[in-house]
Amino acid sequence: MNSKNYRKFKLALTGLIILIVSSVLVGQNRNNKEAGLKALDEQYGFLNIKLETPFTAFKGLKKEDSEKAIYKATQADLRMDKYILESVYLTFYKDSLTTIELETKGWNNTNGLLDILQEAYGTGSKRVNFGYKWKGERVWMNFAINETDGTGVLSIHSVPLMTKEIGENE
């Protein structure tokens, strides 16, 4: 084999190796994403707060919105690992928990919570505005991050309850 053909062969072989490695990595990424979304659906809530839990199961709630069933969890544990959650809000639909919303302040707490979420549920999809989203079959989760001050709002929604509520409001 002359040197010109050898270079072509080497270039083709390198391209083939890159293609194979890329395919394997894409497959692994897809499997990791699917595993993360499955874990999100299985968790069906956040920490010890489960979606669709009846309103009566919660203690220490303070009504936050007079028109909607939004309550602040005043007795919630506001730490996750070494990161501080500023507040926890719970939204109910027909006396069942439909949304959990957590707020963080400061880059350390916000980035720390993001790291925990990505470790547990995968990287999520980057949103146009600064934040991430995860869409499982039973749970949709969004983490919006304010680029200016590092505050974050994590929203975890029950897809079955959201679907019922939207269907009844049409």
N, C-alpha and C. Protein backbone atom coordinates (compact mmCIF):
# COMPACT_ATOMS: atom_id res chain seq x y z
N MET A 1 0.86 -1.17 0.00
CA MET A 1 0.00 0.00 0.00
C MET A 1 0.91 1.23 0.00
N ASN A 2 0.66 2.13 -0.96
CA ASN A 2 1.50 3.34 -1.00
C ASN A 2 1.06 4.31 0.08
N SER A 3 1.87 5.33 0.30
CA SER A 3 1.62 6.26 1.41
C SER A 3 0.33 7.06 1.23
N LYS A 4 -0.05 7.36 -0.01
CA LYS A 4 -1.28 8.11 -0.27
C LYS A 4 -2.50 7.25 0.12
N ASN A 5 -2.51 6.00 -0.30
CA ASN A 5 -3.60 5.10 0.05
C ASN A 5 -3.63 4.80 1.55
N TYR A 6 -2.45 4.69 2.15
CA TYR A 6 -2.35 4.45 3.59
C TYR A 6 -2.99 5.61 4.36
N ARG A 7 -2.72 6.86 3.94
CA ARG A 7 -3.31 8.03 4.61
C ARG A 7 -4.83 8.02 4.45
N LYS A 8 -5.33 7.67 3.27
CA LYS A 8 -6.78 7.60 3.06
C LYS A 8 -7.40 6.53 3.96
N PHE A 9 -6.73 5.37 4.02
CA PHE A 9 -7.20 4.28 4.86
C PHE A 9 -7.22 4.71 6.33
N LYS A 10 -6.16 5.36 6.77
CA LYS A 10 -6.04 5.81 8.16
C LYS A 10 -7.13 6.84 8.47
N LEU A 11 -7.39 7.76 7.55
CA LEU A 11 -8.41 8.79 7.73
C LEU A 11 -9.79 8.13 7.79
N ALA A 12 -10.06 7.17 6.90
CA ALA A 12 -11.35 6.47 6.89
C ALA A 12 -11.54 5.68 8.18
N LEU A 13 -10.50 5.01 8.63
CA LEU A 13 -10.57 4.24 9.87
C LEU A 13 -10.82 5.14 11.07
N THR A 14 -10.15 6.29 11.13
CA THR A 14 -10.37 7.26 12.21
C THR A 14 -11.81 7.75 12.20
N GLY A 15 -12.34 8.05 11.02
CA GLY A 15 -13.73 8.49 10.90
C GLY A 15 -14.70 7.43 11.39
N LEU A 16 -14.44 6.18 11.04
CA LEU A 16 -15.28 5.07 11.47
C LEU A 16 -15.25 4.92 13.00
N ILE A 17 -14.09 5.03 13.59
CA ILE A 17 -13.96 4.92 15.05
C ILE A 17 -14.73 6.05 15.73
N ILE A 18 -14.59 7.27 15.21
CA ILE A 18 -15.33 8.41 15.79
C ILE A 18 -16.83 8.19 15.68
N LEU A 19 -17.30 7.68 14.56
CA LEU A 19 -18.72 7.41 14.36
C LEU A 19 -19.22 6.37 15.36
N ILE A 20 -18.46 5.31 15.56
CA ILE A 20 -18.86 4.24 16.49
C ILE A 20 -18.90 4.77 17.92
N VAL A 21 -17.87 5.49 18.34
CA VAL A 21 -17.82 6.05 19.70
C VAL A 21 -18.97 7.03 19.91
N SER A 22 -19.24 7.88 18.92
CA SER A 22 -20.34 8.85 19.03
C SER A 22 -21.67 8.13 19.19
N SER A 23 -21.88 7.07 18.41
CA SER A 23 -23.13 6.31 18.50
C SER A 23 -23.30 5.70 19.88
N VAL A 24 -22.23 5.15 20.42
CA VAL A 24 -22.28 4.55 21.76
C VAL A 24 -22.62 5.61 22.79
N LEU A 25 -21.97 6.79 22.72
CA LEU A 25 -22.21 7.86 23.68
C LEU A 25 -23.64 8.38 23.59
N VAL A 26 -24.16 8.54 22.38
CA VAL A 26 -25.55 8.99 22.21
C VAL A 26 -26.50 7.97 22.83
N GLY A 27 -26.24 6.68 22.60
CA GLY A 27 -27.07 5.63 23.19
C GLY A 27 -27.02 5.64 24.70
N GLN A 28 -25.83 5.84 25.27
CA GLN A 28 -25.70 5.91 26.73
C GLN A 28 -26.44 7.12 27.27
N ASN A 29 -26.33 8.27 26.59
CA ASN A 29 -27.00 9.49 27.03
C ASN A 29 -28.52 9.28 27.02
N ARG A 30 -29.04 8.62 25.98
CA ARG A 30 -30.48 8.35 25.89
C ARG A 30 -30.90 7.44 27.03
N ASN A 31 -30.11 6.39 27.31
CA ASN A 31 -30.42 5.47 28.41
C ASN A 31 -30.39 6.19 29.75
N ASN A 32 -29.40 7.07 29.96
CA ASN A 32 -29.31 7.84 31.21
C ASN A 32 -30.51 8.76 31.36
N LYS A 33 -30.92 9.41 30.27
CA LYS A 33 -32.07 10.31 30.31
C LYS A 33 -33.33 9.53 30.67
N GLU A 34 -33.53 8.38 30.01
CA GLU A 34 -34.71 7.56 30.29
C GLU A 34 -34.70 7.06 31.73
N ALA A 35 -33.56 6.67 32.24
CA ALA A 35 -33.45 6.20 33.62
C ALA A 35 -33.76 7.34 34.59
N GLY A 36 -33.28 8.55 34.29
CA GLY A 36 -33.55 9.71 35.14
C GLY A 36 -35.02 10.05 35.18
N LEU A 37 -35.68 10.03 34.02
CA LEU A 37 -37.11 10.34 33.97
C LEU A 37 -37.93 9.25 34.66
N LYS A 38 -37.49 8.01 34.55
CA LYS A 38 -38.17 6.92 35.26
C LYS A 38 -38.06 7.12 36.77
N ALA A 39 -36.88 7.52 37.23
CA ALA A 39 -36.68 7.79 38.66
C ALA A 39 -37.55 8.96 39.12
N LEU A 40 -37.68 9.97 38.27
CA LEU A 40 -38.53 11.13 38.59
C LEU A 40 -39.99 10.69 38.75
N ASP A 41 -40.46 9.87 37.81
CA ASP A 41 -41.83 9.36 37.90
C ASP A 41 -42.04 8.48 39.13
N GLU A 42 -41.03 7.66 39.45
CA GLU A 42 -41.15 6.79 40.63
C GLU A 42 -41.14 7.58 41.93
N GLN A 43 -40.36 8.64 41.99
CA GLN A 43 -40.31 9.50 43.19
C GLN A 43 -41.67 10.16 43.39
N TYR A 44 -42.27 10.63 42.32
CA TYR A 44 -43.59 11.26 42.31
C TYR A 44 -43.75 12.29 43.43
N GLY A 45 -42.76 13.16 43.50
CA GLY A 45 -42.78 14.21 44.51
C GLY A 45 -41.37 14.70 44.76
N PHE A 46 -41.15 15.17 45.96
CA PHE A 46 -39.83 15.68 46.33
C PHE A 46 -39.58 15.37 47.79
N LEU A 47 -38.45 14.70 48.05
CA LEU A 47 -38.11 14.24 49.40
C LEU A 47 -39.28 13.44 49.96
N ASN A 48 -39.84 13.86 51.09
CA ASN A 48 -40.93 13.11 51.69
C ASN A 48 -42.31 13.68 51.33
N ILE A 49 -42.36 14.60 50.39
CA ILE A 49 -43.62 15.20 49.96
C ILE A 49 -44.03 14.52 48.65
N LYS A 50 -45.15 13.82 48.65
CA LYS A 50 -45.61 13.06 47.49
C LYS A 50 -46.79 13.77 46.82
N LEU A 51 -46.74 13.83 45.50
CA LEU A 51 -47.86 14.38 44.75
C LEU A 51 -49.10 13.52 44.96
N GLU A 52 -50.25 14.13 44.85
CA GLU A 52 -51.58 13.52 45.05
C GLU A 52 -51.87 13.19 46.51
N THR A 53 -50.99 13.63 47.44
CA THR A 53 -51.28 13.44 48.86
C THR A 53 -52.47 14.33 49.22
N PRO A 54 -53.42 13.83 50.02
CA PRO A 54 -54.57 14.65 50.41
C PRO A 54 -54.15 15.85 51.27
N PHE A 55 -54.88 16.93 51.11
CA PHE A 55 -54.62 18.16 51.86
C PHE A 55 -54.59 17.90 53.37
N THR A 56 -55.46 17.04 53.84
CA THR A 56 -55.57 16.78 55.29
C THR A 56 -54.33 16.11 55.87
N ALA A 57 -53.46 15.57 55.04
CA ALA A 57 -52.24 14.91 55.53
C ALA A 57 -51.15 15.91 55.93
N PHE A 58 -51.34 17.18 55.57
CA PHE A 58 -50.32 18.19 55.85
C PHE A 58 -50.68 19.01 57.08
N LYS A 59 -49.67 19.34 57.86
CA LYS A 59 -49.83 20.19 59.04
C LYS A 59 -49.00 21.45 58.84
N GLY A 60 -49.39 22.52 59.46
CA GLY A 60 -48.60 23.76 59.44
C GLY A 60 -48.59 24.45 58.10
N LEU A 61 -49.70 24.43 57.36
CA LEU A 61 -49.77 25.14 56.09
C LEU A 61 -50.38 26.51 56.29
N LYS A 62 -49.84 27.48 55.58
CA LYS A 62 -50.34 28.85 55.65
C LYS A 62 -50.85 29.24 54.26
N LYS A 63 -52.12 29.64 54.17
CA LYS A 63 -52.73 30.02 52.89
C LYS A 63 -51.99 31.22 52.31
N GLU A 64 -51.55 31.10 51.04
CA GLU A 64 -50.77 32.15 50.39
C GLU A 64 -51.55 32.89 49.32
N ASP A 65 -52.59 32.28 48.78
CA ASP A 65 -53.34 32.88 47.68
C ASP A 65 -54.82 32.70 47.98
N SER A 66 -55.57 33.80 47.95
CA SER A 66 -56.97 33.71 48.33
C SER A 66 -57.83 33.06 47.24
N GLU A 67 -57.39 33.11 45.99
CA GLU A 67 -58.20 32.54 44.91
C GLU A 67 -57.78 31.12 44.53
N LYS A 68 -56.54 30.78 44.72
CA LYS A 68 -56.05 29.45 44.38
C LYS A 68 -55.67 28.72 45.66
N ALA A 69 -55.61 27.42 45.58
CA ALA A 69 -55.28 26.60 46.75
C ALA A 69 -53.76 26.46 46.86
N ILE A 70 -53.09 27.59 47.15
CA ILE A 70 -51.63 27.60 47.31
C ILE A 70 -51.32 27.87 48.77
N TYR A 71 -50.48 27.01 49.34
CA TYR A 71 -50.13 27.11 50.75
C TYR A 71 -48.61 27.07 50.91
N LYS A 72 -48.14 27.79 51.92
CA LYS A 72 -46.72 27.74 52.27
C LYS A 72 -46.56 26.70 53.37
N ALA A 73 -45.60 25.81 53.17
CA ALA A 73 -45.33 24.78 54.18
C ALA A 73 -44.43 25.38 55.24
N THR A 74 -45.00 25.74 56.37
CA THR A 74 -44.24 26.44 57.40
C THR A 74 -43.40 25.50 58.26
N GLN A 75 -43.74 24.23 58.28
CA GLN A 75 -42.99 23.28 59.10
C GLN A 75 -42.08 22.37 58.28
N ALA A 76 -41.88 22.73 57.01
CA ALA A 76 -41.05 21.89 56.13
C ALA A 76 -39.58 22.01 56.51
N ASP A 77 -38.85 20.92 56.32
CA ASP A 77 -37.40 20.94 56.52
C ASP A 77 -36.81 21.70 55.35
N LEU A 78 -36.18 22.83 55.61
CA LEU A 78 -35.71 23.70 54.55
C LEU A 78 -34.23 23.51 54.24
N ARG A 79 -33.75 22.29 54.40
CA ARG A 79 -32.37 21.94 54.03
C ARG A 79 -32.40 20.70 53.16
N MET A 80 -31.52 20.71 52.20
CA MET A 80 -31.32 19.52 51.38
C MET A 80 -29.82 19.34 51.28
N ASP A 81 -29.34 18.30 51.93
CA ASP A 81 -27.91 18.11 52.05
C ASP A 81 -27.38 19.35 52.78
N LYS A 82 -26.43 20.06 52.23
CA LYS A 82 -25.92 21.27 52.89
C LYS A 82 -26.49 22.55 52.28
N TYR A 83 -27.51 22.40 51.43
CA TYR A 83 -28.08 23.55 50.74
C TYR A 83 -29.41 23.96 51.38
N ILE A 84 -29.65 25.26 51.41
CA ILE A 84 -30.82 25.82 52.08
C ILE A 84 -31.90 26.13 51.05
N LEU A 85 -33.11 25.65 51.34
CA LEU A 85 -34.29 25.99 50.55
C LEU A 85 -34.99 27.13 51.29
N GLU A 86 -35.28 28.20 50.59
CA GLU A 86 -35.88 29.37 51.25
C GLU A 86 -37.33 29.14 51.63
N SER A 87 -38.08 28.49 50.75
CA SER A 87 -39.49 28.26 51.05
C SER A 87 -40.02 27.10 50.22
N VAL A 88 -41.11 26.51 50.71
CA VAL A 88 -41.78 25.42 50.02
C VAL A 88 -43.26 25.80 49.92
N TYR A 89 -43.78 25.78 48.69
CA TYR A 89 -45.19 26.07 48.45
C TYR A 89 -45.86 24.83 47.88
N LEU A 90 -47.09 24.59 48.31
CA LEU A 90 -47.86 23.44 47.85
C LEU A 90 -49.16 23.93 47.23
N THR A 91 -49.47 23.41 46.05
CA THR A 91 -50.72 23.77 45.37
C THR A 91 -51.59 22.52 45.28
N PHE A 92 -52.87 22.71 45.60
CA PHE A 92 -53.80 21.59 45.62
C PHE A 92 -54.89 21.77 44.57
N TYR A 93 -55.32 20.66 44.03
CA TYR A 93 -56.46 20.63 43.12
C TYR A 93 -57.41 19.58 43.68
N LYS A 94 -58.62 20.01 44.00
CA LYS A 94 -59.62 19.12 44.61
C LYS A 94 -59.02 18.36 45.79
N ASP A 95 -58.34 19.09 46.65
CA ASP A 95 -57.76 18.57 47.89
C ASP A 95 -56.64 17.54 47.70
N SER A 96 -56.07 17.47 46.51
CA SER A 96 -54.91 16.60 46.27
C SER A 96 -53.74 17.47 45.83
N LEU A 97 -52.56 17.14 46.33
CA LEU A 97 -51.36 17.92 46.00
C LEU A 97 -51.02 17.76 44.52
N THR A 98 -51.02 18.88 43.81
CA THR A 98 -50.73 18.85 42.38
C THR A 98 -49.38 19.45 42.02
N THR A 99 -48.89 20.40 42.83
CA THR A 99 -47.62 21.06 42.53
C THR A 99 -46.84 21.32 43.81
N ILE A 100 -45.54 21.07 43.75
CA ILE A 100 -44.60 21.40 44.82
C ILE A 100 -43.66 22.45 44.24
N GLU A 101 -43.51 23.55 44.95
CA GLU A 101 -42.62 24.61 44.47
C GLU A 101 -41.64 24.97 45.58
N LEU A 102 -40.34 24.95 45.23
CA LEU A 102 -39.29 25.28 46.19
C LEU A 102 -38.49 26.45 45.67
N GLU A 103 -38.05 27.30 46.58
CA GLU A 103 -37.24 28.46 46.19
C GLU A 103 -35.87 28.38 46.85
N THR A 104 -34.87 28.79 46.10
CA THR A 104 -33.51 28.89 46.63
C THR A 104 -33.03 30.32 46.43
N LYS A 105 -32.09 30.73 47.25
CA LYS A 105 -31.46 32.04 47.10
C LYS A 105 -29.96 31.86 47.10
N GLY A 106 -29.30 32.57 46.22
CA GLY A 106 -27.84 32.54 46.16
C GLY A 106 -27.34 31.42 45.26
N TRP A 107 -26.25 31.71 44.56
CA TRP A 107 -25.69 30.76 43.61
C TRP A 107 -25.30 29.44 44.26
N ASN A 108 -24.76 29.46 45.46
CA ASN A 108 -24.32 28.23 46.11
C ASN A 108 -25.49 27.27 46.31
N ASN A 109 -26.59 27.77 46.85
CA ASN A 109 -27.77 26.93 47.11
C ASN A 109 -28.44 26.49 45.80
N THR A 110 -28.55 27.41 44.85
CA THR A 110 -29.20 27.10 43.58
C THR A 110 -28.40 26.08 42.78
N ASN A 111 -27.10 26.31 42.65
CA ASN A 111 -26.26 25.36 41.92
C ASN A 111 -26.16 24.02 42.64
N GLY A 112 -26.16 24.05 43.96
CA GLY A 112 -26.14 22.81 44.74
C GLY A 112 -27.39 21.97 44.50
N LEU A 113 -28.56 22.63 44.51
CA LEU A 113 -29.80 21.91 44.24
C LEU A 113 -29.81 21.39 42.81
N LEU A 114 -29.34 22.19 41.86
CA LEU A 114 -29.27 21.73 40.46
C LEU A 114 -28.38 20.50 40.34
N ASP A 115 -27.25 20.49 41.01
CA ASP A 115 -26.36 19.32 40.97
C ASP A 115 -27.07 18.07 41.50
N ILE A 116 -27.81 18.22 42.59
CA ILE A 116 -28.54 17.09 43.18
C ILE A 116 -29.60 16.59 42.21
N LEU A 117 -30.33 17.51 41.59
CA LEU A 117 -31.38 17.13 40.63
C LEU A 117 -30.79 16.40 39.44
N GLN A 118 -29.68 16.93 38.90
CA GLN A 118 -29.08 16.32 37.73
C GLN A 118 -28.46 14.96 38.05
N GLU A 119 -27.96 14.81 39.24
CA GLU A 119 -27.43 13.51 39.64
C GLU A 119 -28.55 12.48 39.75
N ALA A 120 -29.69 12.90 40.28
CA ALA A 120 -30.81 11.98 40.49
C ALA A 120 -31.62 11.72 39.22
N TYR A 121 -31.81 12.76 38.38
CA TYR A 121 -32.76 12.64 37.26
C TYR A 121 -32.15 12.91 35.89
N GLY A 122 -30.85 13.07 35.81
CA GLY A 122 -30.22 13.37 34.53
C GLY A 122 -30.11 14.88 34.33
N THR A 123 -29.48 15.27 33.25
CA THR A 123 -29.19 16.70 33.05
C THR A 123 -30.42 17.53 32.75
N GLY A 124 -31.48 16.91 32.26
CA GLY A 124 -32.66 17.68 31.89
C GLY A 124 -32.42 18.40 30.58
N SER A 125 -33.44 19.05 30.08
CA SER A 125 -33.33 19.83 28.85
C SER A 125 -33.11 21.28 29.21
N LYS A 126 -32.13 21.90 28.59
CA LYS A 126 -31.85 23.32 28.85
C LYS A 126 -32.97 24.14 28.24
N ARG A 127 -33.49 25.07 28.99
CA ARG A 127 -34.55 25.94 28.49
C ARG A 127 -33.95 27.18 27.86
N VAL A 128 -34.75 27.85 27.04
CA VAL A 128 -34.30 29.06 26.37
C VAL A 128 -33.88 30.10 27.41
N ASN A 129 -34.77 30.37 28.36
CA ASN A 129 -34.36 31.21 29.48
C ASN A 129 -33.56 30.31 30.42
N PHE A 130 -32.78 30.89 31.26
CA PHE A 130 -31.83 30.12 32.06
C PHE A 130 -32.57 29.17 32.99
N GLY A 131 -32.48 27.90 32.72
CA GLY A 131 -33.13 26.91 33.55
C GLY A 131 -33.14 25.56 32.86
N TYR A 132 -33.82 24.59 33.50
CA TYR A 132 -33.84 23.22 33.01
C TYR A 132 -35.24 22.65 33.19
N LYS A 133 -35.55 21.64 32.38
CA LYS A 133 -36.84 20.96 32.53
C LYS A 133 -36.65 19.47 32.33
N TRP A 134 -37.49 18.72 33.02
CA TRP A 134 -37.55 17.27 32.92
C TRP A 134 -39.00 16.91 32.69
N LYS A 135 -39.29 16.06 31.72
CA LYS A 135 -40.67 15.67 31.45
C LYS A 135 -40.79 14.16 31.48
N GLY A 136 -41.26 13.64 32.60
CA GLY A 136 -41.55 12.23 32.72
C GLY A 136 -42.98 11.98 32.27
N GLU A 137 -43.43 10.76 32.41
CA GLU A 137 -44.81 10.43 32.06
C GLU A 137 -45.79 10.91 33.12
N ARG A 138 -45.38 10.88 34.38
CA ARG A 138 -46.26 11.26 35.49
C ARG A 138 -45.87 12.58 36.14
N VAL A 139 -44.63 13.02 35.92
CA VAL A 139 -44.12 14.22 36.59
C VAL A 139 -43.43 15.12 35.58
N TRP A 140 -43.74 16.41 35.65
CA TRP A 140 -43.00 17.44 34.92
C TRP A 140 -42.31 18.30 35.96
N MET A 141 -41.04 18.57 35.74
CA MET A 141 -40.27 19.37 36.70
C MET A 141 -39.53 20.46 35.94
N ASN A 142 -39.58 21.67 36.47
CA ASN A 142 -38.88 22.82 35.89
C ASN A 142 -38.04 23.46 36.98
N PHE A 143 -36.84 23.89 36.60
CA PHE A 143 -35.99 24.63 37.54
C PHE A 143 -35.56 25.90 36.83
N ALA A 144 -36.20 27.01 37.18
CA ALA A 144 -35.88 28.32 36.59
C ALA A 144 -34.84 29.00 37.48
N ILE A 145 -33.81 29.56 36.85
CA ILE A 145 -32.73 30.20 37.58
C ILE A 145 -32.57 31.63 37.09
N ASN A 146 -32.59 32.56 38.03
CA ASN A 146 -32.39 33.97 37.70
C ASN A 146 -30.90 34.22 37.51
N GLU A 147 -30.52 34.60 36.30
CA GLU A 147 -29.10 34.80 35.98
C GLU A 147 -28.47 35.95 36.76
N THR A 148 -29.28 36.89 37.19
CA THR A 148 -28.75 38.07 37.86
C THR A 148 -28.33 37.80 39.30
N ASP A 149 -29.22 37.16 40.06
CA ASP A 149 -28.92 37.00 41.49
C ASP A 149 -28.80 35.55 41.95
N GLY A 150 -29.00 34.60 41.05
CA GLY A 150 -28.82 33.20 41.42
C GLY A 150 -29.97 32.60 42.21
N THR A 151 -31.12 33.25 42.24
CA THR A 151 -32.28 32.62 42.88
C THR A 151 -32.83 31.55 41.95
N GLY A 152 -33.44 30.53 42.53
CA GLY A 152 -34.01 29.46 41.73
C GLY A 152 -35.39 29.10 42.21
N VAL A 153 -36.23 28.65 41.27
CA VAL A 153 -37.57 28.17 41.60
C VAL A 153 -37.73 26.80 40.95
N LEU A 154 -37.89 25.79 41.78
CA LEU A 154 -38.11 24.43 41.32
C LEU A 154 -39.60 24.14 41.43
N SER A 155 -40.22 23.75 40.31
CA SER A 155 -41.64 23.39 40.28
C SER A 155 -41.78 21.95 39.85
N ILE A 156 -42.52 21.17 40.64
CA ILE A 156 -42.74 19.76 40.36
C ILE A 156 -44.24 19.55 40.24
N HIS A 157 -44.68 19.06 39.08
CA HIS A 157 -46.12 18.98 38.77
C HIS A 157 -46.56 17.54 38.54
N SER A 158 -47.74 17.21 39.03
CA SER A 158 -48.38 15.93 38.75
C SER A 158 -49.07 16.02 37.40
N VAL A 159 -48.62 15.26 36.42
CA VAL A 159 -49.22 15.28 35.09
C VAL A 159 -50.68 14.79 35.13
N PRO A 160 -50.99 13.68 35.84
CA PRO A 160 -52.39 13.25 35.87
C PRO A 160 -53.34 14.31 36.45
N LEU A 161 -52.93 14.98 37.52
CA LEU A 161 -53.81 16.00 38.11
C LEU A 161 -53.89 17.25 37.23
N MET A 162 -52.77 17.63 36.62
CA MET A 162 -52.80 18.79 35.71
C MET A 162 -53.74 18.51 34.53
N THR A 163 -53.69 17.30 34.00
CA THR A 163 -54.53 16.91 32.88
C THR A 163 -56.01 16.97 33.27
N LYS A 164 -56.34 16.47 34.46
CA LYS A 164 -57.73 16.53 34.94
C LYS A 164 -58.18 17.98 35.09
N GLU A 165 -57.33 18.81 35.69
CA GLU A 165 -57.70 20.20 35.94
C GLU A 165 -57.90 20.94 34.62
N ILE A 166 -57.00 20.76 33.67
CA ILE A 166 -57.14 21.42 32.37
C ILE A 166 -58.40 20.93 31.66
N GLY A 167 -58.67 19.63 31.71
CA GLY A 167 -59.87 19.07 31.07
C GLY A 167 -61.15 19.63 31.65
N GLU A 168 -61.16 19.86 32.95
CA GLU A 168 -62.38 20.38 33.59
C GLU A 168 -62.53 21.88 33.38
N ASN A 169 -61.45 22.58 33.05
CA ASN A 169 -61.54 24.02 32.84
C ASN A 169 -61.76 24.42 31.39
N GLU A 170 -61.86 23.43 30.50
CA GLU A 170 -62.09 23.77 29.08
C GLU A 170 -63.53 24.01 28.82
